[in-house]
Amino acid sequence: MSEKDLVKTSIESGAFKAFVLPTDNIPFDVNLRSYCEANICGNYGKNYACPPNVGEGQELINKAKSYKKALVFQTVTQIKDSFDFDGMKEAAQRHSKVAD
């Protein structure tokens, strides 16, 4: 599948924006893992695509950097306010659907 087709498929699947870019342009931050460890989304230890099942932060960064390019996409969902946990859950489900 071409880069153009990947972006098109992402948008058609519900992404707001999508790009294919060199992994060298991605600002990786090992500290992002702390959000996972705080179980912000509720999937810590429950999802095989999430920590701790996927490995250590720096290990994941190194693996991502071993690829030349990455598909990066964004989903946007309007929620009522910062306490709209149902809206956040729905947004996470929509985002996961695009990733799938």
Protein backbone atom coordinates (compact mmCIF):
# COMPACT_ATOMS: atom_id res chain seq x y z
CA MET A 1 0.00 0.00 0.00
CA SER A 2 1.38 3.41 -0.94
CA GLU A 3 1.83 6.27 1.54
CA LYS A 4 -1.01 8.12 -0.18
CA ASP A 5 -3.28 5.08 0.21
CA LEU A 6 -2.38 4.73 3.91
CA VAL A 7 -3.32 8.35 4.55
CA LYS A 8 -6.52 8.03 2.52
CA THR A 9 -7.55 4.85 4.36
CA SER A 10 -6.86 6.52 7.72
CA ILE A 11 -9.06 9.50 6.84
CA GLU A 12 -11.81 7.24 5.50
CA SER A 13 -11.64 5.24 8.74
CA GLY A 14 -12.29 8.35 10.84
CA ALA A 15 -8.94 10.09 11.34
CA PHE A 16 -9.11 13.89 11.38
CA LYS A 17 -5.63 14.15 9.90
CA ALA A 18 -2.99 11.62 8.89
CA PHE A 19 0.57 11.83 7.59
CA VAL A 20 3.43 9.54 6.72
CA LEU A 21 6.68 11.04 7.94
CA PRO A 22 10.28 10.06 8.65
CA THR A 23 10.70 8.67 12.15
CA ASP A 24 13.62 11.08 12.55
CA ASN A 25 10.99 13.87 12.66
CA ILE A 26 9.09 12.35 15.60
CA PRO A 27 9.97 13.81 19.01
CA PHE A 28 9.94 10.69 21.19
CA ASP A 29 9.79 11.17 24.95
CA VAL A 30 10.37 8.28 27.35
CA ASN A 31 8.42 10.21 30.01
CA LEU A 32 5.15 9.57 28.16
CA ARG A 33 5.28 6.13 29.78
CA SER A 34 4.47 7.73 33.16
CA TYR A 35 0.89 8.37 31.90
CA CYS A 36 0.58 4.67 31.19
CA GLU A 37 1.93 3.74 34.59
CA ALA A 38 -0.61 6.09 36.19
CA ASN A 39 -3.26 4.11 34.28
CA ILE A 40 -4.87 7.27 32.90
CA CYS A 41 -6.82 5.33 30.23
CA GLY A 42 -7.52 2.27 32.36
CA ASN A 43 -5.71 -0.19 30.08
CA TYR A 44 -2.45 -0.60 32.00
CA GLY A 45 -1.80 -4.32 32.23
CA LYS A 46 -5.08 -5.12 30.44
CA ASN A 47 -4.14 -4.64 26.80
CA TYR A 48 -1.31 -6.51 25.08
CA ALA A 49 -0.58 -3.41 22.97
CA CYS A 50 0.00 -1.33 26.12
CA PRO A 51 2.48 -1.32 29.00
CA PRO A 52 3.72 -3.22 30.78
CA ASN A 53 3.18 -5.92 28.12
CA VAL A 54 4.96 -4.09 25.28
CA GLY A 55 8.34 -3.54 26.91
CA GLU A 56 10.24 -0.64 28.39
CA GLY A 57 9.94 2.93 27.10
CA GLN A 58 13.43 3.30 25.66
CA GLU A 59 13.15 -0.15 24.06
CA LEU A 60 9.96 0.97 22.28
CA ILE A 61 11.57 4.21 21.14
CA ASN A 62 14.52 2.30 19.72
CA LYS A 63 12.20 -0.09 17.89
CA ALA A 64 10.18 2.80 16.40
CA LYS A 65 13.39 4.53 15.29
CA SER A 66 14.46 1.34 13.49
CA TYR A 67 11.80 2.15 10.87
CA LYS A 68 12.39 4.84 8.26
CA LYS A 69 8.81 6.14 8.20
CA ALA A 70 5.66 6.07 10.30
CA LEU A 71 1.96 6.64 9.74
CA VAL A 72 0.82 9.21 12.28
CA PHE A 73 -2.85 10.05 12.64
CA GLN A 74 -5.06 12.20 14.83
CA THR A 75 -8.66 11.80 15.84
CA VAL A 76 -10.70 14.65 17.31
CA THR A 77 -13.78 14.27 19.47
CA GLN A 78 -15.77 17.05 21.08
CA ILE A 79 -16.49 16.35 24.75
CA LYS A 80 -18.62 18.26 27.26
CA ASP A 81 -15.79 19.17 29.66
CA SER A 82 -12.68 17.77 31.33
CA PHE A 83 -14.87 15.53 33.53
CA ASP A 84 -16.72 13.91 30.61
CA PHE A 85 -15.31 10.44 31.17
CA ASP A 86 -17.97 8.80 28.99
CA GLY A 87 -17.01 11.15 26.16
CA MET A 88 -13.34 10.36 26.69
CA LYS A 89 -14.05 6.64 26.60
CA GLU A 90 -16.02 7.06 23.38
CA ALA A 91 -13.15 9.09 21.90
CA ALA A 92 -10.67 6.35 22.83
CA GLN A 93 -12.88 3.74 21.16
CA ARG A 94 -13.15 5.83 17.98
CA HIS A 95 -9.38 6.32 17.97
CA SER A 96 -8.79 2.57 18.42
CA LYS A 97 -11.17 1.85 15.53
CA VAL A 98 -9.02 3.99 13.23
CA ALA A 99 -5.89 2.23 14.44
CA ASP A 100 -7.46 -1.18 13.81
